[in-house]
C-alpha atoms as a PDB file:
ATOM      1  CA  MET A   1     169.447 122.272 105.798  1.00  0.00           C
ATOM      2  CA  ILE A   2     172.664 120.480 106.405  1.00  0.00           C
ATOM      3  CA  LYS A   3     173.296 116.812 105.218  1.00  0.00           C
ATOM      4  CA  ALA A   4     176.417 114.930 106.482  1.00  0.00           C
ATOM      5  CA  TYR A   5     177.882 111.485 105.904  1.00  0.00           C
ATOM      6  CA  ALA A   6     181.079 109.918 107.316  1.00  0.00           C
ATOM      7  CA  LYS A   7     183.146 106.787 107.207  1.00  0.00           C
ATOM      8  CA  SER A   8     186.108 105.580 109.118  1.00  0.00           C
ATOM      9  CA  ASP A   9     188.352 102.664 108.349  1.00  0.00           C
ATOM     10  CA  VAL A  10     191.423 100.918 109.875  1.00  0.00           C
ATOM     11  CA  GLY A  11     193.062 100.701 106.524  1.00  0.00           C
ATOM     12  CA  LYS A  12     195.267  97.815 105.255  1.00  0.00           C
ATOM     13  CA  VAL A  13     198.365  98.173 107.481  1.00  0.00           C
ATOM     14  CA  ARG A  14     197.446  99.406 111.111  1.00  0.00           C
ATOM     15  CA  ASP A  15     196.226  97.086 113.860  1.00  0.00           C
ATOM     16  CA  SER A  16     193.837  99.579 115.197  1.00  0.00           C
ATOM     17  CA  ASN A  17     191.865 102.674 114.155  1.00  0.00           C
ATOM     18  CA  GLN A  18     193.229 105.844 115.969  1.00  0.00           C
ATOM     19  CA  ASP A  19     191.024 108.195 113.993  1.00  0.00           C
ATOM     20  CA  SER A  20     187.721 109.519 115.451  1.00  0.00           C
ATOM     21  CA  TYR A  21     184.914 111.713 114.132  1.00  0.00           C
ATOM     22  CA  TYR A  22     181.553 113.148 115.249  1.00  0.00           C
ATOM     23  CA  ILE A  23     178.704 114.489 113.109  1.00  0.00           C
ATOM     24  CA  SER A  24     175.680 116.153 114.592  1.00  0.00           C
ATOM     25  CA  ASP A  25     172.175 115.374 113.512  1.00  0.00           C
ATOM     26  CA  SER A  26     170.537 117.854 111.174  1.00  0.00           C
ATOM     27  CA  LEU A  27     167.983 118.598 113.876  1.00  0.00           C
ATOM     28  CA  ASP A  28     170.552 119.445 116.514  1.00  0.00           C
ATOM     29  CA  LYS A  29     170.651 122.881 117.893  1.00  0.00           C
ATOM     30  CA  ILE A  30     174.327 123.156 117.102  1.00  0.00           C
ATOM     31  CA  GLN A  31     175.649 122.067 113.828  1.00  0.00           C
ATOM     32  CA  LEU A  32     178.974 120.579 114.876  1.00  0.00           C
ATOM     33  CA  PHE A  33     181.261 118.264 112.916  1.00  0.00           C
ATOM     34  CA  MET A  34     184.780 116.999 114.161  1.00  0.00           C
ATOM     35  CA  LEU A  35     187.502 114.820 113.052  1.00  0.00           C
ATOM     36  CA  ALA A  36     190.596 113.730 114.890  1.00  0.00           C
ATOM     37  CA  ASP A  37     193.632 111.588 113.966  1.00  0.00           C
ATOM     38  CA  GLY A  38     195.460 110.267 117.043  1.00  0.00           C
ATOM     39  CA  MET A  39     199.080 109.202 117.558  1.00  0.00           C
ATOM     40  CA  GLY A  40     200.916 107.433 120.344  1.00  0.00           C
ATOM     41  CA  GLY A  41     201.635 103.844 121.097  1.00  0.00           C
ATOM     42  CA  TYR A  42     199.628 101.475 123.469  1.00  0.00           C
ATOM     43  CA  ASN A  43     196.129 102.833 122.460  1.00  0.00           C
ATOM     44  CA  GLY A  44     197.365 106.341 122.971  1.00  0.00           C
ATOM     45  CA  GLY A  45     196.273 107.691 119.709  1.00  0.00           C
ATOM     46  CA  GLU A  46     192.872 106.196 119.997  1.00  0.00           C
ATOM     47  CA  ILE A  47     192.407 107.573 123.535  1.00  0.00           C
ATOM     48  CA  ALA A  48     193.731 111.065 122.493  1.00  0.00           C
ATOM     49  CA  SER A  49     191.396 111.450 119.462  1.00  0.00           C
ATOM     50  CA  LYS A  50     188.308 110.239 121.215  1.00  0.00           C
ATOM     51  CA  LEU A  51     189.168 112.423 124.305  1.00  0.00           C
ATOM     52  CA  ALA A  52     189.825 115.490 122.247  1.00  0.00           C
ATOM     53  CA  ILE A  53     186.473 115.212 120.400  1.00  0.00           C
ATOM     54  CA  LYS A  54     184.353 114.474 123.477  1.00  0.00           C
ATOM     55  CA  THR A  55     185.961 117.362 125.487  1.00  0.00           C
ATOM     56  CA  ALA A  56     185.770 120.018 122.634  1.00  0.00           C
ATOM     57  CA  LYS A  57     182.256 118.906 121.797  1.00  0.00           C
ATOM     58  CA  SER A  58     180.982 119.261 125.570  1.00  0.00           C
ATOM     59  CA  TYR A  59     182.783 122.562 125.874  1.00  0.00           C
ATOM     60  CA  ILE A  60     181.031 124.042 122.814  1.00  0.00           C
ATOM     61  CA  GLU A  61     177.710 122.708 123.664  1.00  0.00           C
ATOM     62  CA  ASN A  62     177.904 123.899 127.286  1.00  0.00           C
ATOM     63  CA  ASN A  63     178.892 127.372 126.190  1.00  0.00           C
ATOM     64  CA  PHE A  64     177.152 128.043 122.929  1.00  0.00           C
ATOM     65  CA  GLU A  65     173.932 129.328 124.408  1.00  0.00           C
ATOM     66  CA  GLN A  66     175.677 132.000 126.442  1.00  0.00           C
ATOM     67  CA  THR A  67     177.949 133.059 123.578  1.00  0.00           C
ATOM     68  CA  SER A  68     176.906 136.196 121.556  1.00  0.00           C
ATOM     69  CA  LYS A  69     176.560 134.722 118.075  1.00  0.00           C
ATOM     70  CA  ASP A  70     178.845 137.273 116.353  1.00  0.00           C
ATOM     71  CA  ARG A  71     181.846 136.237 114.485  1.00  0.00           C
ATOM     72  CA  ASP A  72     184.548 137.039 117.142  1.00  0.00           C
ATOM     73  CA  SER A  73     182.721 135.278 119.963  1.00  0.00           C
ATOM     74  CA  ILE A  74     182.209 132.063 117.994  1.00  0.00           C
ATOM     75  CA  ILE A  75     185.916 132.187 116.932  1.00  0.00           C
ATOM     76  CA  GLN A  76     186.797 132.618 120.603  1.00  0.00           C
ATOM     77  CA  LEU A  77     184.479 129.790 121.591  1.00  0.00           C
ATOM     78  CA  LEU A  78     186.213 127.322 119.151  1.00  0.00           C
ATOM     79  CA  GLY A  79     189.776 128.441 120.140  1.00  0.00           C
ATOM     80  CA  SER A  80     188.860 127.975 123.921  1.00  0.00           C
ATOM     81  CA  SER A  81     187.292 124.606 123.274  1.00  0.00           C
ATOM     82  CA  MET A  82     190.524 123.358 121.532  1.00  0.00           C
ATOM     83  CA  GLU A  83     192.719 124.781 124.379  1.00  0.00           C
ATOM     84  CA  TYR A  84     190.522 123.017 126.913  1.00  0.00           C
ATOM     85  CA  ALA A  85     190.750 119.755 125.006  1.00  0.00           C
ATOM     86  CA  ASN A  86     194.509 120.142 124.744  1.00  0.00           C
ATOM     87  CA  MET A  87     194.774 120.517 128.516  1.00  0.00           C
ATOM     88  CA  VAL A  88     192.638 117.449 129.192  1.00  0.00           C
ATOM     89  CA  VAL A  89     194.497 115.339 126.726  1.00  0.00           C
ATOM     90  CA  TYR A  90     197.984 116.567 127.965  1.00  0.00           C
ATOM     91  CA  GLU A  91     197.051 115.877 131.767  1.00  0.00           C
ATOM     92  CA  LYS A  92     195.856 112.336 130.729  1.00  0.00           C
ATOM     93  CA  SER A  93     199.167 111.657 129.066  1.00  0.00           C
ATOM     94  CA  LYS A  94     200.942 112.666 132.201  1.00  0.00           C
ATOM     95  CA  GLU A  95     198.781 110.545 134.487  1.00  0.00           C
ATOM     96  CA  ILE A  96     199.428 107.227 132.717  1.00  0.00           C
ATOM     97  CA  LYS A  97     202.862 106.033 131.872  1.00  0.00           C
ATOM     98  CA  GLU A  98     201.810 104.136 128.816  1.00  0.00           C
ATOM     99  CA  LEU A  99     200.027 107.192 127.306  1.00  0.00           C
ATOM    100  CA  GLU A 100     203.129 109.447 127.579  1.00  0.00           C
ATOM    101  CA  GLY A 101     203.612 111.412 124.364  1.00  0.00           C
ATOM    102  CA  MET A 102     200.138 110.754 122.937  1.00  0.00           C
ATOM    103  CA  GLY A 103     198.466 113.491 120.816  1.00  0.00           C
ATOM    104  CA  THR A 104     196.066 114.068 118.039  1.00  0.00           C
ATOM    105  CA  THR A 105     195.011 116.315 115.144  1.00  0.00           C
ATOM    106  CA  LEU A 106     191.726 118.088 115.591  1.00  0.00           C
ATOM    107  CA  GLU A 107     189.461 119.591 112.978  1.00  0.00           C
ATOM    108  CA  ILE A 108     186.206 121.379 113.997  1.00  0.00           C
ATOM    109  CA  CYS A 109     183.513 122.682 111.772  1.00  0.00           C
ATOM    110  CA  LEU A 110     180.713 124.699 113.425  1.00  0.00           C
ATOM    111  CA  ILE A 111     178.124 125.828 110.950  1.00  0.00           C
ATOM    112  CA  HIS A 112     176.015 128.882 111.778  1.00  0.00           C
ATOM    113  CA  ASN A 113     174.146 131.355 109.611  1.00  0.00           C
ATOM    114  CA  ASN A 114     175.740 130.201 106.221  1.00  0.00           C
ATOM    115  CA  LYS A 115     179.179 130.393 107.611  1.00  0.00           C
ATOM    116  CA  VAL A 116     181.560 127.764 108.756  1.00  0.00           C
ATOM    117  CA  TYR A 117     183.712 128.338 111.871  1.00  0.00           C
ATOM    118  CA  ILE A 118     186.790 126.258 111.570  1.00  0.00           C
ATOM    119  CA  GLY A 119     189.304 125.039 114.312  1.00  0.00           C
ATOM    120  CA  HIS A 120     192.385 123.246 113.058  1.00  0.00           C
ATOM    121  CA  ILE A 121     195.602 121.782 114.484  1.00  0.00           C
ATOM    122  CA  GLY A 122     197.717 119.102 112.820  1.00  0.00           C
ATOM    123  CA  ASP A 123     197.676 117.805 109.209  1.00  0.00           C
ATOM    124  CA  SER A 124     194.157 116.525 108.856  1.00  0.00           C
ATOM    125  CA  ARG A 125     192.379 118.788 106.362  1.00  0.00           C
ATOM    126  CA  ILE A 126     189.235 120.558 105.498  1.00  0.00           C
ATOM    127  CA  TYR A 127     188.337 121.360 101.887  1.00  0.00           C
ATOM    128  CA  ARG A 128     185.428 123.434 100.518  1.00  0.00           C
ATOM    129  CA  ILE A 129     183.964 122.519  97.075  1.00  0.00           C
ATOM    130  CA  ARG A 130     181.968 125.465  95.566  1.00  0.00           C
ATOM    131  CA  LYS A 131     180.595 124.718  92.121  1.00  0.00           C
ATOM    132  CA  GLN A 132     183.560 123.205  90.230  1.00  0.00           C
ATOM    133  CA  PHE A 133     186.333 124.570  92.488  1.00  0.00           C
ATOM    134  CA  THR A 134     188.040 122.821  95.381  1.00  0.00           C
ATOM    135  CA  ARG A 135     189.767 124.931  97.936  1.00  0.00           C
ATOM    136  CA  LYS A 136     191.870 123.592 100.894  1.00  0.00           C
ATOM    137  CA  LEU A 137     190.858 125.765 103.816  1.00  0.00           C
ATOM    138  CA  THR A 138     193.491 124.520 106.246  1.00  0.00           C
ATOM    139  CA  GLN A 139     197.255 124.586 106.177  1.00  0.00           C
ATOM    140  CA  ASP A 140     199.029 121.460 107.366  1.00  0.00           C
ATOM    141  CA  HIS A 141     201.016 121.945 110.500  1.00  0.00           C
ATOM    142  CA  SER A 142     203.701 119.725 109.299  1.00  0.00           C
ATOM    143  CA  TYR A 143     207.423 119.990 108.833  1.00  0.00           C
ATOM    144  CA  VAL A 144     207.082 119.439 104.998  1.00  0.00           C
ATOM    145  CA  GLN A 145     204.422 122.168 104.799  1.00  0.00           C
ATOM    146  CA  LYS A 146     206.944 124.523 106.506  1.00  0.00           C
ATOM    147  CA  LEU A 147     209.576 123.583 103.835  1.00  0.00           C
ATOM    148  CA  VAL A 148     207.208 124.387 101.077  1.00  0.00           C
ATOM    149  CA  LYS A 149     206.234 127.718 102.649  1.00  0.00           C
ATOM    150  CA  ASP A 150     210.003 128.514 103.049  1.00  0.00           C
ATOM    151  CA  GLY A 151     210.516 127.698  99.383  1.00  0.00           C
ATOM    152  CA  THR A 152     212.925 124.894 100.220  1.00  0.00           C
ATOM    153  CA  ILE A 153     210.950 122.272  98.415  1.00  0.00           C
ATOM    154  CA  THR A 154     208.041 122.367  95.835  1.00  0.00           C
ATOM    155  CA  GLN A 155     204.377 121.243  96.496  1.00  0.00           C
ATOM    156  CA  GLU A 156     205.150 118.271  94.230  1.00  0.00           C
ATOM    157  CA  GLU A 157     208.280 117.286  96.220  1.00  0.00           C
ATOM    158  CA  ALA A 158     206.270 117.437  99.419  1.00  0.00           C
ATOM    159  CA  ILE A 159     203.979 114.668  98.333  1.00  0.00           C
ATOM    160  CA  HIS A 160     206.755 112.028  98.545  1.00  0.00           C
ATOM    161  CA  HIS A 161     208.926 113.651 101.222  1.00  0.00           C
ATOM    162  CA  PRO A 162     210.228 111.018 103.701  1.00  0.00           C
ATOM    163  CA  GLN A 163     209.298 113.231 106.632  1.00  0.00           C
ATOM    164  CA  LYS A 164     205.874 114.164 105.490  1.00  0.00           C
ATOM    165  CA  ASN A 165     204.188 112.709 108.707  1.00  0.00           C
ATOM    166  CA  MET A 166     206.264 114.867 111.092  1.00  0.00           C
ATOM    167  CA  LEU A 167     204.029 117.364 112.722  1.00  0.00           C
ATOM    168  CA  MET A 168     204.992 120.804 113.984  1.00  0.00           C
ATOM    169  CA  LYS A 169     201.738 121.159 115.991  1.00  0.00           C
ATOM    170  CA  ALA A 170     199.326 118.637 117.480  1.00  0.00           C
ATOM    171  CA  LEU A 171     196.855 118.596 120.331  1.00  0.00           C
ATOM    172  CA  GLY A 172     197.788 117.092 123.646  1.00  0.00           C
ATOM    173  CA  CYS A 173     201.576 117.031 123.309  1.00  0.00           C
ATOM    174  CA  ASN A 174     202.420 120.374 125.063  1.00  0.00           C
ATOM    175  CA  ALA A 175     200.774 122.298 127.930  1.00  0.00           C
ATOM    176  CA  PHE A 176     199.831 125.147 125.416  1.00  0.00           C
ATOM    177  CA  ILE A 177     198.744 125.212 121.851  1.00  0.00           C
ATOM    178  CA  GLU A 178     198.011 127.825 119.188  1.00  0.00           C
ATOM    179  CA  PRO A 179     195.359 126.331 116.905  1.00  0.00           C
ATOM    180  CA  ASP A 180     194.243 128.111 113.656  1.00  0.00           C
ATOM    181  CA  VAL A 181     190.716 129.345 113.964  1.00  0.00           C
ATOM    182  CA  MET A 182     188.989 130.950 111.087  1.00  0.00           C
ATOM    183  CA  VAL A 183     185.593 131.724 109.411  1.00  0.00           C
ATOM    184  CA  LYS A 184     184.508 131.006 105.783  1.00  0.00           C
ATOM    185  CA  GLY A 185     181.357 131.278 103.800  1.00  0.00           C
ATOM    186  CA  PHE A 186     179.255 128.123 103.507  1.00  0.00           C
ATOM    187  CA  LEU A 187     176.530 128.890 101.060  1.00  0.00           C
ATOM    188  CA  LYS A 188     173.701 126.851  99.505  1.00  0.00           C
ATOM    189  CA  GLU A 189     175.132 123.840  97.571  1.00  0.00           C
ATOM    190  CA  ASP A 190     178.667 124.248  99.078  1.00  0.00           C
ATOM    191  CA  ILE A 191     180.233 121.057 100.340  1.00  0.00           C
ATOM    192  CA  LEU A 192     182.823 120.615 103.068  1.00  0.00           C
ATOM    193  CA  VAL A 193     185.193 117.610 103.065  1.00  0.00           C
ATOM    194  CA  MET A 194     187.057 116.773 106.411  1.00  0.00           C
ATOM    195  CA  ALA A 195     189.718 114.150 106.045  1.00  0.00           C
ATOM    196  CA  SER A 196     192.569 112.498 107.934  1.00  0.00           C
ATOM    197  CA  ASP A 197     195.843 112.163 106.167  1.00  0.00           C
ATOM    198  CA  GLY A 198     195.057 108.450 105.596  1.00  0.00           C
ATOM    199  CA  LEU A 199     192.813 109.708 102.857  1.00  0.00           C
ATOM    200  CA  THR A 200     194.733 112.817 101.585  1.00  0.00           C
ATOM    201  CA  ASN A 201     198.038 110.814 101.232  1.00  0.00           C
ATOM    202  CA  MET A 202     196.316 108.064  99.181  1.00  0.00           C
ATOM    203  CA  VAL A 203     193.803 109.967  97.126  1.00  0.00           C
ATOM    204  CA  SER A 204     194.303 113.075  95.002  1.00  0.00           C
ATOM    205  CA  GLN A 205     192.373 116.302  95.459  1.00  0.00           C
ATOM    206  CA  GLU A 206     190.919 115.791  92.078  1.00  0.00           C
ATOM    207  CA  ASP A 207     189.606 112.304  92.861  1.00  0.00           C
ATOM    208  CA  ILE A 208     188.088 113.478  96.158  1.00  0.00           C
ATOM    209  CA  TYR A 209     186.227 116.265  94.192  1.00  0.00           C
ATOM    210  CA  GLN A 210     184.989 113.719  91.576  1.00  0.00           C
ATOM    211  CA  GLU A 211     183.589 111.257  94.120  1.00  0.00           C
ATOM    212  CA  VAL A 212     182.012 113.983  96.268  1.00  0.00           C
ATOM    213  CA  LYS A 213     180.319 115.727  93.240  1.00  0.00           C
ATOM    214  CA  LYS A 214     179.019 112.293  92.068  1.00  0.00           C
ATOM    215  CA  ASP A 215     177.141 111.318  95.276  1.00  0.00           C
ATOM    216  CA  ILE A 216     177.728 112.885  98.752  1.00  0.00           C
ATOM    217  CA  GLU A 217     176.014 110.087 100.438  1.00  0.00           C
ATOM    218  CA  TRP A 218     178.264 107.450  98.935  1.00  0.00           C
ATOM    219  CA  ALA A 219     181.352 109.386  98.702  1.00  0.00           C
ATOM    220  CA  PRO A 220     182.861 108.629 102.124  1.00  0.00           C
ATOM    221  CA  LYS A 221     182.604 104.838 101.329  1.00  0.00           C
ATOM    222  CA  GLU A 222     184.032 105.164  97.819  1.00  0.00           C
ATOM    223  CA  LEU A 223     186.885 107.423  99.045  1.00  0.00           C
ATOM    224  CA  VAL A 224     187.799 104.915 101.840  1.00  0.00           C
ATOM    225  CA  GLU A 225     187.876 102.115  99.272  1.00  0.00           C
ATOM    226  CA  LYS A 226     189.933 104.163  96.826  1.00  0.00           C
ATOM    227  CA  ALA A 227     192.550 104.880  99.661  1.00  0.00           C
ATOM    228  CA  ASN A 228     192.666 101.233 100.549  1.00  0.00           C
ATOM    229  CA  LYS A 229     193.090 100.265  96.941  1.00  0.00           C
ATOM    230  CA  ASN A 230     196.090 102.698  96.692  1.00  0.00           C
ATOM    231  CA  GLY A 231     197.889 101.044  99.630  1.00  0.00           C
ATOM    232  CA  GLY A 232     195.715 101.931 102.719  1.00  0.00           C
ATOM    233  CA  VAL A 233     198.847 102.573 104.821  1.00  0.00           C
ATOM    234  CA  ASP A 234     197.029 104.503 107.549  1.00  0.00           C
ATOM    235  CA  ASN A 235     193.580 104.856 109.136  1.00  0.00           C
ATOM    236  CA  ILE A 236     191.103 106.615 106.770  1.00  0.00           C
ATOM    237  CA  THR A 237     188.428 108.973 107.821  1.00  0.00           C
ATOM    238  CA  VAL A 238     186.273 111.293 105.838  1.00  0.00           C
ATOM    239  CA  VAL A 239     183.310 113.542 106.634  1.00  0.00           C
ATOM    240  CA  VAL A 240     181.285 115.050 103.801  1.00  0.00           C
ATOM    241  CA  ILE A 241     178.828 117.982 104.742  1.00  0.00           C
ATOM    242  CA  LYS A 242     176.579 119.706 102.225  1.00  0.00           C
ATOM    243  CA  ASN A 243     174.511 122.827 102.557  1.00  0.00           C
ATOM    244  CA  ILE A 244     171.451 121.651 100.863  1.00  0.00           C
END
């Protein structure tokens, strides 16, 4: 059985909330969870994040029944859903002058047979907590992460780097995308945390772990409050999912 809780907040600085999320009911046929952090002026980010989630969700729901439920087929389904969402957001940005250049991150978790199938593009994150260990399952598609990978800067220097918000990949900005799609174990008592950078830039991985372990139902609210207390410079969204 899957239990999930979420919270999204505008934060202390921004005028509008450009984050979006979706959590499926535990009775739904498909256990699907999504988070998107939009960008772009004149409501662009808000439109991009909502549209990406809506499009990827309907693509998965319309095609899941016909998909063989093996690992490769589900991975293919997730990748295709993100490519389709990318096309829809990109086309929309071309149609309306004010939406030019809009884009969004997109995180998808599809849970099936004690596995989580993950689709990822951008710098929102997915963590898995198993017993007392937290593991970041996604790699940020950011300029700073590239510098860390190349050995130019350390992980510590990355935290306060002036260009930490510069994305190398996002959904809706180009005609084609290459999202990361993977599959991980999701066993009994495992917890997944999906978060926009409005949380992860403001709250440490250790603090996320502590709040989630304390109480999964209240964790999203507590984490949002923590991020706001630490400055709340961006929209904050967190989704917590537990395999009960």
